[in-house]
Amino acid sequence: MRATFSCAVLVLGVGTWTAAARDFPLPVASTGSLLEDTKAECARNIKRCWFLSFLKPSEPICASDQGTYSGECHLCSRVLYEGFNITKLYDGPYEIART
């Protein structure tokens, strides 16, 4: 009984934290000119990504390479670890008519 209560409290705590968790904001650029700001913001927040990505799916975002990324963590991993020179354009998937 005691173990069940402890597990329930843990699940409730993680569930509450997950519901309140948000992706970190990235600067939004229409021309790709905010690359250094994007890199700095990604470097500050990339450690949060491994935990957030497992608990709460992100909303898609459109990047300056006209690609759709599964969230800020996905875009930041491309910028920091794969050397992509991209920035966030807007929330939501890439749409031809919107750019």
PDB file of N, CA and C in Angstrom:
ATOM      1  N   MET A   1       0.826  -1.193   0.000  1.00  0.00           N
ATOM      2  CA  MET A   1       0.000   0.000   0.000  1.00  0.00           C
ATOM      3  C   MET A   1       0.865   1.250   0.000  1.00  0.00           C
ATOM      4  N   ARG A   2       1.893   1.238   0.813  1.00  0.00           N
ATOM      5  CA  ARG A   2       2.763   2.410   0.909  1.00  0.00           C
ATOM      6  C   ARG A   2       3.513   2.644  -0.403  1.00  0.00           C
ATOM      7  N   ALA A   3       3.969   1.556  -1.033  1.00  0.00           N
ATOM      8  CA  ALA A   3       4.671   1.666  -2.314  1.00  0.00           C
ATOM      9  C   ALA A   3       3.738   2.189  -3.400  1.00  0.00           C
ATOM     10  N   THR A   4       2.499   1.753  -3.386  1.00  0.00           N
ATOM     11  CA  THR A   4       1.520   2.213  -4.363  1.00  0.00           C
ATOM     12  C   THR A   4       1.276   3.712  -4.214  1.00  0.00           C
ATOM     13  N   PHE A   5       1.161   4.177  -2.980  1.00  0.00           N
ATOM     14  CA  PHE A   5       0.967   5.594  -2.732  1.00  0.00           C
ATOM     15  C   PHE A   5       2.170   6.396  -3.209  1.00  0.00           C
ATOM     16  N   SER A   6       3.371   5.913  -2.947  1.00  0.00           N
ATOM     17  CA  SER A   6       4.587   6.609  -3.381  1.00  0.00           C
ATOM     18  C   SER A   6       4.647   6.697  -4.904  1.00  0.00           C
ATOM     19  N   CYS A   7       4.303   5.618  -5.564  1.00  0.00           N
ATOM     20  CA  CYS A   7       4.300   5.615  -7.026  1.00  0.00           C
ATOM     21  C   CYS A   7       3.252   6.580  -7.572  1.00  0.00           C
ATOM     22  N   ALA A   8       2.103   6.609  -6.944  1.00  0.00           N
ATOM     23  CA  ALA A   8       1.041   7.509  -7.385  1.00  0.00           C
ATOM     24  C   ALA A   8       1.459   8.964  -7.231  1.00  0.00           C
ATOM     25  N   VAL A   9       2.111   9.283  -6.133  1.00  0.00           N
ATOM     26  CA  VAL A   9       2.577  10.655  -5.908  1.00  0.00           C
ATOM     27  C   VAL A   9       3.639  11.022  -6.946  1.00  0.00           C
ATOM     28  N   LEU A  10       4.539  10.108  -7.238  1.00  0.00           N
ATOM     29  CA  LEU A  10       5.575  10.344  -8.238  1.00  0.00           C
ATOM     30  C   LEU A  10       4.972  10.569  -9.625  1.00  0.00           C
ATOM     31  N   VAL A  11       4.032   9.733 -10.012  1.00  0.00           N
ATOM     32  CA  VAL A  11       3.377   9.872 -11.311  1.00  0.00           C
ATOM     33  C   VAL A  11       2.618  11.194 -11.380  1.00  0.00           C
ATOM     34  N   LEU A  12       1.938  11.552 -10.316  1.00  0.00           N
ATOM     35  CA  LEU A  12       1.214  12.816 -10.284  1.00  0.00           C
ATOM     36  C   LEU A  12       2.171  13.997 -10.402  1.00  0.00           C
ATOM     37  N   GLY A  13       3.285  13.938  -9.706  1.00  0.00           N
ATOM     38  CA  GLY A  13       4.269  15.016  -9.770  1.00  0.00           C
ATOM     39  C   GLY A  13       4.872  15.178 -11.156  1.00  0.00           C
ATOM     40  N   VAL A  14       5.263  14.072 -11.768  1.00  0.00           N
ATOM     41  CA  VAL A  14       5.836  14.125 -13.116  1.00  0.00           C
ATOM     42  C   VAL A  14       4.785  14.589 -14.116  1.00  0.00           C
ATOM     43  N   GLY A  15       3.563  14.123 -13.960  1.00  0.00           N
ATOM     44  CA  GLY A  15       2.486  14.531 -14.856  1.00  0.00           C
ATOM     45  C   GLY A  15       2.195  16.015 -14.765  1.00  0.00           C
ATOM     46  N   THR A  16       2.205  16.549 -13.571  1.00  0.00           N
ATOM     47  CA  THR A  16       1.971  17.980 -13.376  1.00  0.00           C
ATOM     48  C   THR A  16       3.097  18.791 -13.988  1.00  0.00           C
ATOM     49  N   TRP A  17       4.341  18.361 -13.747  1.00  0.00           N
ATOM     50  CA  TRP A  17       5.481  19.074 -14.305  1.00  0.00           C
ATOM     51  C   TRP A  17       5.449  19.029 -15.826  1.00  0.00           C
ATOM     52  N   THR A  18       5.104  17.878 -16.389  1.00  0.00           N
ATOM     53  CA  THR A  18       5.049  17.722 -17.837  1.00  0.00           C
ATOM     54  C   THR A  18       3.987  18.618 -18.444  1.00  0.00           C
ATOM     55  N   ALA A  19       2.849  18.719 -17.800  1.00  0.00           N
ATOM     56  CA  ALA A  19       1.774  19.563 -18.317  1.00  0.00           C
ATOM     57  C   ALA A  19       2.185  21.030 -18.332  1.00  0.00           C
ATOM     58  N   ALA A  20       3.018  21.429 -17.385  1.00  0.00           N
ATOM     59  CA  ALA A  20       3.451  22.817 -17.300  1.00  0.00           C
ATOM     60  C   ALA A  20       4.722  23.082 -18.106  1.00  0.00           C
ATOM     61  N   ALA A  21       5.402  22.032 -18.552  1.00  0.00           N
ATOM     62  CA  ALA A  21       6.654  22.206 -19.288  1.00  0.00           C
ATOM     63  C   ALA A  21       6.388  22.864 -20.634  1.00  0.00           C
ATOM     64  N   ARG A  22       7.284  23.742 -21.002  1.00  0.00           N
ATOM     65  CA  ARG A  22       7.164  24.428 -22.283  1.00  0.00           C
ATOM     66  C   ARG A  22       8.488  24.366 -23.000  1.00  0.00           C
ATOM     67  N   ASP A  23       8.418  24.416 -24.307  1.00  0.00           N
ATOM     68  CA  ASP A  23       9.643  24.543 -25.062  1.00  0.00           C
ATOM     69  C   ASP A  23      10.232  25.913 -24.759  1.00  0.00           C
ATOM     70  N   PHE A  24      11.523  26.015 -24.858  1.00  0.00           N
ATOM     71  CA  PHE A  24      12.148  27.310 -24.633  1.00  0.00           C
ATOM     72  C   PHE A  24      11.977  28.157 -25.888  1.00  0.00           C
ATOM     73  N   PRO A  25      11.876  29.465 -25.714  1.00  0.00           N
ATOM     74  CA  PRO A  25      11.659  30.325 -26.883  1.00  0.00           C
ATOM     75  C   PRO A  25      12.956  30.529 -27.657  1.00  0.00           C
ATOM     76  N   LEU A  26      12.869  30.431 -28.951  1.00  0.00           N
ATOM     77  CA  LEU A  26      13.987  30.769 -29.825  1.00  0.00           C
ATOM     78  C   LEU A  26      13.659  32.075 -30.523  1.00  0.00           C
ATOM     79  N   PRO A  27      14.669  32.874 -30.817  1.00  0.00           N
ATOM     80  CA  PRO A  27      14.397  34.103 -31.569  1.00  0.00           C
ATOM     81  C   PRO A  27      13.806  33.751 -32.928  1.00  0.00           C
ATOM     82  N   VAL A  28      12.854  34.528 -33.358  1.00  0.00           N
ATOM     83  CA  VAL A  28      12.209  34.289 -34.646  1.00  0.00           C
ATOM     84  C   VAL A  28      12.809  35.259 -35.650  1.00  0.00           C
ATOM     85  N   ALA A  29      13.301  34.731 -36.753  1.00  0.00           N
ATOM     86  CA  ALA A  29      13.936  35.559 -37.777  1.00  0.00           C
ATOM     87  C   ALA A  29      13.253  35.347 -39.108  1.00  0.00           C
ATOM     88  N   SER A  30      13.036  36.412 -39.817  1.00  0.00           N
ATOM     89  CA  SER A  30      12.458  36.283 -41.150  1.00  0.00           C
ATOM     90  C   SER A  30      13.544  36.209 -42.215  1.00  0.00           C
ATOM     91  N   THR A  31      14.770  36.599 -41.868  1.00  0.00           N
ATOM     92  CA  THR A  31      15.845  36.602 -42.854  1.00  0.00           C
ATOM     93  C   THR A  31      16.993  35.684 -42.474  1.00  0.00           C
ATOM     94  N   GLY A  32      16.943  35.041 -41.334  1.00  0.00           N
ATOM     95  CA  GLY A  32      18.034  34.202 -40.889  1.00  0.00           C
ATOM     96  C   GLY A  32      19.158  34.984 -40.243  1.00  0.00           C
ATOM     97  N   SER A  33      18.924  36.257 -39.913  1.00  0.00           N
ATOM     98  CA  SER A  33      19.977  37.119 -39.380  1.00  0.00           C
ATOM     99  C   SER A  33      20.216  36.921 -37.890  1.00  0.00           C
ATOM    100  N   LEU A  34      19.444  36.117 -37.211  1.00  0.00           N
ATOM    101  CA  LEU A  34      19.592  35.937 -35.774  1.00  0.00           C
ATOM    102  C   LEU A  34      20.302  34.630 -35.417  1.00  0.00           C
ATOM    103  N   LEU A  35      21.204  34.195 -36.261  1.00  0.00           N
ATOM    104  CA  LEU A  35      21.870  32.912 -36.043  1.00  0.00           C
ATOM    105  C   LEU A  35      22.646  32.879 -34.735  1.00  0.00           C
ATOM    106  N   GLU A  36      23.375  33.938 -34.421  1.00  0.00           N
ATOM    107  CA  GLU A  36      24.158  33.953 -33.180  1.00  0.00           C
ATOM    108  C   GLU A  36      23.250  33.928 -31.954  1.00  0.00           C
ATOM    109  N   ASP A  37      22.122  34.637 -32.003  1.00  0.00           N
ATOM    110  CA  ASP A  37      21.158  34.596 -30.894  1.00  0.00           C
ATOM    111  C   ASP A  37      20.560  33.199 -30.749  1.00  0.00           C
ATOM    112  N   THR A  38      20.280  32.560 -31.870  1.00  0.00           N
ATOM    113  CA  THR A  38      19.740  31.202 -31.843  1.00  0.00           C
ATOM    114  C   THR A  38      20.747  30.240 -31.228  1.00  0.00           C
ATOM    115  N   LYS A  39      22.010  30.341 -31.644  1.00  0.00           N
ATOM    116  CA  LYS A  39      23.047  29.462 -31.094  1.00  0.00           C
ATOM    117  C   LYS A  39      23.192  29.660 -29.591  1.00  0.00           C
ATOM    118  N   ALA A  40      23.159  30.912 -29.135  1.00  0.00           N
ATOM    119  CA  ALA A  40      23.294  31.197 -27.703  1.00  0.00           C
ATOM    120  C   ALA A  40      22.113  30.632 -26.920  1.00  0.00           C
ATOM    121  N   GLU A  41      20.912  30.804 -27.422  1.00  0.00           N
ATOM    122  CA  GLU A  41      19.706  30.289 -26.748  1.00  0.00           C
ATOM    123  C   GLU A  41      19.711  28.761 -26.729  1.00  0.00           C
ATOM    124  N   CYS A  42      20.134  28.157 -27.806  1.00  0.00           N
ATOM    125  CA  CYS A  42      20.224  26.700 -27.870  1.00  0.00           C
ATOM    126  C   CYS A  42      21.251  26.179 -26.868  1.00  0.00           C
ATOM    127  N   ALA A  43      22.399  26.821 -26.805  1.00  0.00           N
ATOM    128  CA  ALA A  43      23.447  26.386 -25.880  1.00  0.00           C
ATOM    129  C   ALA A  43      22.976  26.471 -24.431  1.00  0.00           C
ATOM    130  N   ARG A  44      22.179  27.500 -24.114  1.00  0.00           N
ATOM    131  CA  ARG A  44      21.662  27.650 -22.751  1.00  0.00           C
ATOM    132  C   ARG A  44      20.634  26.583 -22.384  1.00  0.00           C
ATOM    133  N   ASN A  45      19.895  26.118 -23.369  1.00  0.00           N
ATOM    134  CA  ASN A  45      18.742  25.265 -23.066  1.00  0.00           C
ATOM    135  C   ASN A  45      18.833  23.827 -23.546  1.00  0.00           C
ATOM    136  N   ILE A  46      19.891  23.444 -24.242  1.00  0.00           N
ATOM    137  CA  ILE A  46      19.946  22.113 -24.845  1.00  0.00           C
ATOM    138  C   ILE A  46      19.904  21.002 -23.797  1.00  0.00           C
ATOM    139  N   LYS A  47      20.384  21.256 -22.599  1.00  0.00           N
ATOM    140  CA  LYS A  47      20.373  20.217 -21.566  1.00  0.00           C
ATOM    141  C   LYS A  47      18.956  19.857 -21.121  1.00  0.00           C
ATOM    142  N   ARG A  48      18.011  20.759 -21.307  1.00  0.00           N
ATOM    143  CA  ARG A  48      16.617  20.472 -20.972  1.00  0.00           C
ATOM    144  C   ARG A  48      15.965  19.545 -21.988  1.00  0.00           C
ATOM    145  N   CYS A  49      16.536  19.468 -23.150  1.00  0.00           N
ATOM    146  CA  CYS A  49      15.889  18.764 -24.261  1.00  0.00           C
ATOM    147  C   CYS A  49      15.730  17.272 -24.043  1.00  0.00           C
ATOM    148  N   TRP A  50      16.731  16.617 -23.533  1.00  0.00           N
ATOM    149  CA  TRP A  50      16.642  15.158 -23.424  1.00  0.00           C
ATOM    150  C   TRP A  50      15.467  14.746 -22.558  1.00  0.00           C
ATOM    151  N   PHE A  51      15.169  15.508 -21.515  1.00  0.00           N
ATOM    152  CA  PHE A  51      14.076  15.159 -20.623  1.00  0.00           C
ATOM    153  C   PHE A  51      12.735  15.584 -21.210  1.00  0.00           C
ATOM    154  N   LEU A  52      12.662  16.806 -21.715  1.00  0.00           N
ATOM    155  CA  LEU A  52      11.407  17.305 -22.276  1.00  0.00           C
ATOM    156  C   LEU A  52      10.950  16.495 -23.478  1.00  0.00           C
ATOM    157  N   SER A  53      11.884  16.090 -24.316  1.00  0.00           N
ATOM    158  CA  SER A  53      11.486  15.401 -25.538  1.00  0.00           C
ATOM    159  C   SER A  53      10.844  14.039 -25.264  1.00  0.00           C
ATOM    160  N   PHE A  54      11.184  13.422 -24.149  1.00  0.00           N
ATOM    161  CA  PHE A  54      10.581  12.131 -23.813  1.00  0.00           C
ATOM    162  C   PHE A  54       9.221  12.292 -23.146  1.00  0.00           C
ATOM    163  N   LEU A  55       9.022  13.392 -22.442  1.00  0.00           N
ATOM    164  CA  LEU A  55       7.793  13.568 -21.682  1.00  0.00           C
ATOM    165  C   LEU A  55       6.707  14.334 -22.417  1.00  0.00           C
ATOM    166  N   LYS A  56       7.104  15.280 -23.238  1.00  0.00           N
ATOM    167  CA  LYS A  56       6.102  16.129 -23.872  1.00  0.00           C
ATOM    168  C   LYS A  56       6.479  16.380 -25.326  1.00  0.00           C
ATOM    169  N   PRO A  57       5.686  15.887 -26.243  1.00  0.00           N
ATOM    170  CA  PRO A  57       5.992  16.148 -27.649  1.00  0.00           C
ATOM    171  C   PRO A  57       5.909  17.640 -27.948  1.00  0.00           C
ATOM    172  N   SER A  58       6.757  18.102 -28.818  1.00  0.00           N
ATOM    173  CA  SER A  58       6.785  19.511 -29.197  1.00  0.00           C
ATOM    174  C   SER A  58       5.910  19.757 -30.415  1.00  0.00           C
ATOM    175  N   GLU A  59       5.578  21.004 -30.595  1.00  0.00           N
ATOM    176  CA  GLU A  59       4.857  21.422 -31.789  1.00  0.00           C
ATOM    177  C   GLU A  59       5.875  21.658 -32.896  1.00  0.00           C
ATOM    178  N   PRO A  60       5.512  21.388 -34.144  1.00  0.00           N
ATOM    179  CA  PRO A  60       6.457  21.599 -35.239  1.00  0.00           C
ATOM    180  C   PRO A  60       6.777  23.082 -35.416  1.00  0.00           C
ATOM    181  N   ILE A  61       7.995  23.341 -35.893  1.00  0.00           N
ATOM    182  CA  ILE A  61       8.401  24.710 -36.204  1.00  0.00           C
ATOM    183  C   ILE A  61       9.044  24.729 -37.582  1.00  0.00           C
ATOM    184  N   CYS A  62       8.943  25.857 -38.259  1.00  0.00           N
ATOM    185  CA  CYS A  62       9.550  26.039 -39.567  1.00  0.00           C
ATOM    186  C   CYS A  62      10.860  26.774 -39.392  1.00  0.00           C
ATOM    187  N   ALA A  63      11.888  26.323 -40.087  1.00  0.00           N
ATOM    188  CA  ALA A  63      13.211  26.933 -39.989  1.00  0.00           C
ATOM    189  C   ALA A  63      13.581  27.622 -41.299  1.00  0.00           C
ATOM    190  N   SER A  64      14.664  28.393 -41.233  1.00  0.00           N
ATOM    191  CA  SER A  64      15.088  29.185 -42.384  1.00  0.00           C
ATOM    192  C   SER A  64      15.551  28.345 -43.568  1.00  0.00           C
ATOM    193  N   ASP A  65      15.775  27.058 -43.377  1.00  0.00           N
ATOM    194  CA  ASP A  65      16.119  26.182 -44.501  1.00  0.00           C
ATOM    195  C   ASP A  65      14.868  25.603 -45.159  1.00  0.00           C
ATOM    196  N   GLN A  66      13.716  26.152 -44.806  1.00  0.00           N
ATOM    197  CA  GLN A  66      12.399  25.740 -45.293  1.00  0.00           C
ATOM    198  C   GLN A  66      12.076  24.308 -44.911  1.00  0.00           C
ATOM    199  N   GLY A  67      12.626  23.880 -43.784  1.00  0.00           N
ATOM    200  CA  GLY A  67      12.338  22.557 -43.259  1.00  0.00           C
ATOM    201  C   GLY A  67      11.431  22.646 -42.053  1.00  0.00           C
ATOM    202  N   THR A  68      10.745  21.570 -41.774  1.00  0.00           N
ATOM    203  CA  THR A  68       9.907  21.475 -40.587  1.00  0.00           C
ATOM    204  C   THR A  68      10.633  20.625 -39.564  1.00  0.00           C
ATOM    205  N   TYR A  69      10.789  21.148 -38.360  1.00  0.00           N
ATOM    206  CA  TYR A  69      11.461  20.439 -37.270  1.00  0.00           C
ATOM    207  C   TYR A  69      10.438  20.143 -36.192  1.00  0.00           C
ATOM    208  N   SER A  70      10.680  19.081 -35.445  1.00  0.00           N
ATOM    209  CA  SER A  70       9.690  18.631 -34.466  1.00  0.00           C
ATOM    210  C   SER A  70       9.678  19.472 -33.197  1.00  0.00           C
ATOM    211  N   GLY A  71      10.422  20.538 -33.153  1.00  0.00           N
ATOM    212  CA  GLY A  71      10.421  21.446 -32.012  1.00  0.00           C
ATOM    213  C   GLY A  71      11.768  22.117 -31.864  1.00  0.00           C
ATOM    214  N   GLU A  72      11.854  22.975 -30.845  1.00  0.00           N
ATOM    215  CA  GLU A  72      13.072  23.724 -30.602  1.00  0.00           C
ATOM    216  C   GLU A  72      14.269  22.813 -30.326  1.00  0.00           C
ATOM    217  N   CYS A  73      14.032  21.720 -29.611  1.00  0.00           N
ATOM    218  CA  CYS A  73      15.122  20.796 -29.299  1.00  0.00           C
ATOM    219  C   CYS A  73      15.694  20.166 -30.559  1.00  0.00           C
ATOM    220  N   HIS A  74      14.837  19.793 -31.484  1.00  0.00           N
ATOM    221  CA  HIS A  74      15.284  19.206 -32.741  1.00  0.00           C
ATOM    222  C   HIS A  74      16.100  20.216 -33.537  1.00  0.00           C
ATOM    223  N   LEU A  75      15.610  21.441 -33.647  1.00  0.00           N
ATOM    224  CA  LEU A  75      16.325  22.470 -34.378  1.00  0.00           C
ATOM    225  C   LEU A  75      17.667  22.774 -33.708  1.00  0.00           C
ATOM    226  N   CYS A  76      17.679  22.873 -32.388  1.00  0.00           N
ATOM    227  CA  CYS A  76      18.915  23.177 -31.668  1.00  0.00           C
ATOM    228  C   CYS A  76      19.954  22.068 -31.821  1.00  0.00           C
ATOM    229  N   SER A  77      19.520  20.824 -31.851  1.00  0.00           N
ATOM    230  CA  SER A  77      20.491  19.747 -32.036  1.00  0.00           C
ATOM    231  C   SER A  77      21.121  19.837 -33.415  1.00  0.00           C
ATOM    232  N   ARG A  78      20.363  20.246 -34.407  1.00  0.00           N
ATOM    233  CA  ARG A  78      20.919  20.435 -35.752  1.00  0.00           C
ATOM    234  C   ARG A  78      21.908  21.602 -35.774  1.00  0.00           C
ATOM    235  N   VAL A  79      21.573  22.687 -35.078  1.00  0.00           N
ATOM    236  CA  VAL A  79      22.447  23.865 -35.052  1.00  0.00           C
ATOM    237  C   VAL A  79      23.733  23.581 -34.280  1.00  0.00           C
ATOM    238  N   LEU A  80      23.609  23.011 -33.084  1.00  0.00           N
ATOM    239  CA  LEU A  80      24.774  22.832 -32.219  1.00  0.00           C
ATOM    240  C   LEU A  80      25.629  21.626 -32.567  1.00  0.00           C
ATOM    241  N   TYR A  81      25.018  20.515 -32.927  1.00  0.00           N
ATOM    242  CA  TYR A  81      25.770  19.279 -33.099  1.00  0.00           C
ATOM    243  C   TYR A  81      26.051  18.912 -34.558  1.00  0.00           C
ATOM    244  N   GLU A  82      25.256  19.445 -35.473  1.00  0.00           N
ATOM    245  CA  GLU A  82      25.452  19.096 -36.876  1.00  0.00           C
ATOM    246  C   GLU A  82      25.912  20.278 -37.715  1.00  0.00           C
ATOM    247  N   GLY A  83      26.034  21.453 -37.101  1.00  0.00           N
ATOM    248  CA  GLY A  83      26.582  22.618 -37.783  1.00  0.00           C
ATOM    249  C   GLY A  83      25.652  23.306 -38.764  1.00  0.00           C
ATOM    250  N   PHE A  84      24.350  23.058 -38.683  1.00  0.00           N
ATOM    251  CA  PHE A  84      23.411  23.737 -39.566  1.00  0.00           C
ATOM    252  C   PHE A  84      23.369  25.225 -39.212  1.00  0.00           C
ATOM    253  N   ASN A  85      23.301  26.091 -40.204  1.00  0.00           N
ATOM    254  CA  ASN A  85      23.162  27.534 -39.982  1.00  0.00           C
ATOM    255  C   ASN A  85      21.724  27.927 -40.279  1.00  0.00           C
ATOM    256  N   ILE A  86      20.848  27.586 -39.336  1.00  0.00           N
ATOM    257  CA  ILE A  86      19.419  27.829 -39.518  1.00  0.00           C
ATOM    258  C   ILE A  86      18.853  28.535 -38.295  1.00  0.00           C
ATOM    259  N   THR A  87      17.746  29.216 -38.504  1.00  0.00           N
ATOM    260  CA  THR A  87      17.021  29.888 -37.423  1.00  0.00           C
ATOM    261  C   THR A  87      15.542  29.539 -37.542  1.00  0.00           C
ATOM    262  N   LYS A  88      14.812  29.837 -36.513  1.00  0.00           N
ATOM    263  CA  LYS A  88      13.366  29.599 -36.502  1.00  0.00           C
ATOM    264  C   LYS A  88      12.667  30.727 -37.250  1.00  0.00           C
ATOM    265  N   LEU A  89      11.762  30.352 -38.159  1.00  0.00           N
ATOM    266  CA  LEU A  89      10.971  31.357 -38.864  1.00  0.00           C
ATOM    267  C   LEU A  89       9.627  31.592 -38.189  1.00  0.00           C
ATOM    268  N   TYR A  90       8.913  30.498 -37.864  1.00  0.00           N
ATOM    269  CA  TYR A  90       7.607  30.626 -37.227  1.00  0.00           C
ATOM    270  C   TYR A  90       7.193  29.285 -36.641  1.00  0.00           C
ATOM    271  N   ASP A  91       6.205  29.322 -35.754  1.00  0.00           N
ATOM    272  CA  ASP A  91       5.630  28.100 -35.202  1.00  0.00           C
ATOM    273  C   ASP A  91       4.749  27.453 -36.261  1.00  0.00           C
ATOM    274  N   GLY A  92       4.826  26.152 -36.336  1.00  0.00           N
ATOM    275  CA  GLY A  92       4.026  25.410 -37.303  1.00  0.00           C
ATOM    276  C   GLY A  92       4.898  24.849 -38.405  1.00  0.00           C
ATOM    277  N   PRO A  93       4.352  23.914 -39.176  1.00  0.00           N
ATOM    278  CA  PRO A  93       5.121  23.303 -40.251  1.00  0.00           C
ATOM    279  C   PRO A  93       5.374  24.268 -41.405  1.00  0.00           C
ATOM    280  N   TYR A  94       6.355  23.956 -42.222  1.00  0.00           N
ATOM    281  CA  TYR A  94       6.668  24.769 -43.388  1.00  0.00           C
ATOM    282  C   TYR A  94       5.490  24.776 -44.335  1.00  0.00           C
ATOM    283  N   GLU A  95       5.132  25.958 -44.805  1.00  0.00           N
ATOM    284  CA  GLU A  95       4.055  26.121 -45.782  1.00  0.00           C
ATOM    285  C   GLU A  95       4.578  26.998 -46.901  1.00  0.00           C
ATOM    286  N   ILE A  96       4.461  26.561 -48.141  1.00  0.00           N
ATOM    287  CA  ILE A  96       4.996  27.297 -49.291  1.00  0.00           C
ATOM    288  C   ILE A  96       4.385  28.689 -49.379  1.00  0.00           C
ATOM    289  N   ALA A  97       3.096  28.808 -49.214  1.00  0.00           N
ATOM    290  CA  ALA A  97       2.419  30.102 -49.363  1.00  0.00           C
ATOM    291  C   ALA A  97       2.778  31.089 -48.258  1.00  0.00           C
ATOM    292  N   ARG A  98       3.260  30.596 -47.142  1.00  0.00           N
ATOM    293  CA  ARG A  98       3.517  31.469 -45.997  1.00  0.00           C
ATOM    294  C   ARG A  98       4.870  32.184 -46.084  1.00  0.00           C
ATOM    295  N   THR A  99       5.818  31.613 -46.795  1.00  0.00           N
ATOM    296  CA  THR A  99       7.156  32.224 -46.857  1.00  0.00           C
ATOM    297  C   THR A  99       7.297  33.233 -47.945  1.00  0.00           C
TER     298      THR A  99
END
